[in-house]
Amino acid sequence: MHLWHWLNWLTNRLLSNFSHITPSAEKQVALFLQYLIGNRVLAIMFKILIE
């Protein structure tokens, strides 16, 4: 759960630089970033568990 809190904080920090984006677009970007980052983190964790 801590990982997702960190991802939410990170995406919020990134999105704060794009104040001209509409809220709905911000949400889509945030979900997309969380999807990409989450998948990468899961892949790394999975690789570590296998090795």
N, C-alpha and C. Protein backbone atom coordinates (compact mmCIF):
# COMPACT_ATOMS: atom_id res chain seq x y z
N MET A 1 0.84 -1.20 0.00
CA MET A 1 0.00 0.00 0.00
C MET A 1 0.87 1.25 0.00
N HIS A 2 2.02 1.17 0.67
CA HIS A 2 2.91 2.33 0.69
C HIS A 2 3.38 2.69 -0.70
N LEU A 3 3.59 1.67 -1.54
CA LEU A 3 4.05 1.91 -2.91
C LEU A 3 3.04 2.74 -3.68
N TRP A 4 1.74 2.39 -3.53
CA TRP A 4 0.71 3.14 -4.26
C TRP A 4 0.58 4.56 -3.72
N HIS A 5 0.79 4.74 -2.42
CA HIS A 5 0.77 6.10 -1.87
C HIS A 5 1.89 6.92 -2.49
N TRP A 6 3.07 6.30 -2.63
CA TRP A 6 4.20 6.99 -3.22
C TRP A 6 3.93 7.30 -4.69
N LEU A 7 3.34 6.36 -5.42
CA LEU A 7 3.01 6.58 -6.83
C LEU A 7 2.00 7.71 -6.97
N ASN A 8 1.00 7.74 -6.08
CA ASN A 8 0.01 8.82 -6.12
C ASN A 8 0.67 10.17 -5.88
N TRP A 9 1.59 10.21 -4.90
CA TRP A 9 2.29 11.45 -4.61
C TRP A 9 3.13 11.88 -5.81
N LEU A 10 3.84 10.91 -6.41
CA LEU A 10 4.69 11.21 -7.56
C LEU A 10 3.88 11.74 -8.73
N THR A 11 2.77 11.08 -9.05
CA THR A 11 1.94 11.52 -10.17
C THR A 11 1.33 12.89 -9.87
N ASN A 12 0.96 13.13 -8.61
CA ASN A 12 0.40 14.45 -8.25
C ASN A 12 1.46 15.53 -8.43
N ARG A 13 2.70 15.23 -8.06
CA ARG A 13 3.79 16.19 -8.23
C ARG A 13 4.02 16.48 -9.71
N LEU A 14 4.00 15.43 -10.53
CA LEU A 14 4.20 15.60 -11.97
C LEU A 14 3.07 16.41 -12.58
N LEU A 15 1.84 16.10 -12.17
CA LEU A 15 0.68 16.78 -12.74
C LEU A 15 0.57 18.23 -12.29
N SER A 16 1.18 18.56 -11.16
CA SER A 16 1.12 19.94 -10.67
C SER A 16 1.84 20.89 -11.63
N ASN A 17 2.72 20.33 -12.48
CA ASN A 17 3.44 21.15 -13.46
C ASN A 17 2.60 21.40 -14.70
N PHE A 18 1.45 20.70 -14.80
CA PHE A 18 0.60 20.84 -15.99
C PHE A 18 -0.78 21.31 -15.57
N SER A 19 -0.84 22.52 -15.01
CA SER A 19 -2.10 23.04 -14.48
C SER A 19 -3.10 23.36 -15.57
N HIS A 20 -2.63 23.46 -16.84
CA HIS A 20 -3.53 23.81 -17.93
C HIS A 20 -4.35 22.61 -18.40
N ILE A 21 -3.98 21.41 -17.94
CA ILE A 21 -4.71 20.21 -18.34
C ILE A 21 -6.03 20.12 -17.57
N THR A 22 -7.07 19.65 -18.23
CA THR A 22 -8.37 19.51 -17.57
C THR A 22 -8.31 18.39 -16.54
N PRO A 23 -9.16 18.44 -15.50
CA PRO A 23 -9.17 17.42 -14.45
C PRO A 23 -9.32 16.01 -15.00
N SER A 24 -10.20 15.83 -15.99
CA SER A 24 -10.41 14.49 -16.53
C SER A 24 -9.15 13.99 -17.23
N ALA A 25 -8.47 14.89 -17.93
CA ALA A 25 -7.22 14.51 -18.59
C ALA A 25 -6.15 14.19 -17.55
N GLU A 26 -6.12 14.97 -16.47
CA GLU A 26 -5.16 14.72 -15.40
C GLU A 26 -5.36 13.33 -14.83
N LYS A 27 -6.63 12.96 -14.62
CA LYS A 27 -6.92 11.65 -14.05
C LYS A 27 -6.46 10.54 -14.99
N GLN A 28 -6.69 10.73 -16.28
CA GLN A 28 -6.27 9.73 -17.26
C GLN A 28 -4.75 9.59 -17.27
N VAL A 29 -4.06 10.74 -17.24
CA VAL A 29 -2.60 10.71 -17.23
C VAL A 29 -2.09 10.03 -15.96
N ALA A 30 -2.70 10.35 -14.83
CA ALA A 30 -2.28 9.76 -13.56
C ALA A 30 -2.47 8.25 -13.58
N LEU A 31 -3.62 7.79 -14.07
CA LEU A 31 -3.88 6.36 -14.15
C LEU A 31 -2.90 5.69 -15.10
N PHE A 32 -2.59 6.35 -16.21
CA PHE A 32 -1.66 5.79 -17.19
C PHE A 32 -0.26 5.67 -16.59
N LEU A 33 0.18 6.72 -15.88
CA LEU A 33 1.50 6.69 -15.26
C LEU A 33 1.57 5.60 -14.19
N GLN A 34 0.51 5.50 -13.39
CA GLN A 34 0.48 4.47 -12.35
C GLN A 34 0.52 3.09 -12.97
N TYR A 35 -0.16 2.93 -14.11
CA TYR A 35 -0.18 1.66 -14.82
C TYR A 35 1.23 1.29 -15.28
N LEU A 36 1.91 2.26 -15.90
CA LEU A 36 3.26 2.02 -16.41
C LEU A 36 4.24 1.76 -15.27
N ILE A 37 4.25 2.66 -14.28
CA ILE A 37 5.18 2.53 -13.16
C ILE A 37 4.88 1.27 -12.36
N GLY A 38 3.59 1.01 -12.12
CA GLY A 38 3.20 -0.16 -11.35
C GLY A 38 3.63 -1.44 -12.03
N ASN A 39 3.43 -1.53 -13.35
CA ASN A 39 3.83 -2.72 -14.08
C ASN A 39 5.34 -2.90 -14.03
N ARG A 40 6.08 -1.82 -14.15
CA ARG A 40 7.55 -1.91 -14.11
C ARG A 40 8.01 -2.36 -12.73
N VAL A 41 7.42 -1.80 -11.69
CA VAL A 41 7.80 -2.18 -10.32
C VAL A 41 7.46 -3.64 -10.08
N LEU A 42 6.26 -4.07 -10.52
CA LEU A 42 5.87 -5.46 -10.34
C LEU A 42 6.81 -6.39 -11.10
N ALA A 43 7.20 -5.99 -12.31
CA ALA A 43 8.11 -6.81 -13.10
C ALA A 43 9.46 -6.95 -12.40
N ILE A 44 9.96 -5.84 -11.84
CA ILE A 44 11.23 -5.87 -11.13
C ILE A 44 11.13 -6.75 -9.89
N MET A 45 10.04 -6.59 -9.12
CA MET A 45 9.85 -7.39 -7.91
C MET A 45 9.74 -8.86 -8.28
N PHE A 46 9.01 -9.16 -9.36
CA PHE A 46 8.83 -10.54 -9.79
C PHE A 46 10.17 -11.14 -10.20
N LYS A 47 10.98 -10.36 -10.90
CA LYS A 47 12.30 -10.82 -11.33
C LYS A 47 13.18 -11.11 -10.12
N ILE A 48 13.11 -10.24 -9.11
CA ILE A 48 13.91 -10.43 -7.90
C ILE A 48 13.47 -11.70 -7.18
N LEU A 49 12.16 -11.93 -7.13
CA LEU A 49 11.65 -13.12 -6.46
C LEU A 49 12.09 -14.39 -7.17
N ILE A 50 12.12 -14.34 -8.50
CA ILE A 50 12.53 -15.52 -9.27
C ILE A 50 14.02 -15.80 -9.06
N GLU A 51 14.83 -14.75 -9.11
CA GLU A 51 16.27 -14.92 -8.94
C GLU A 51 16.59 -15.09 -7.46
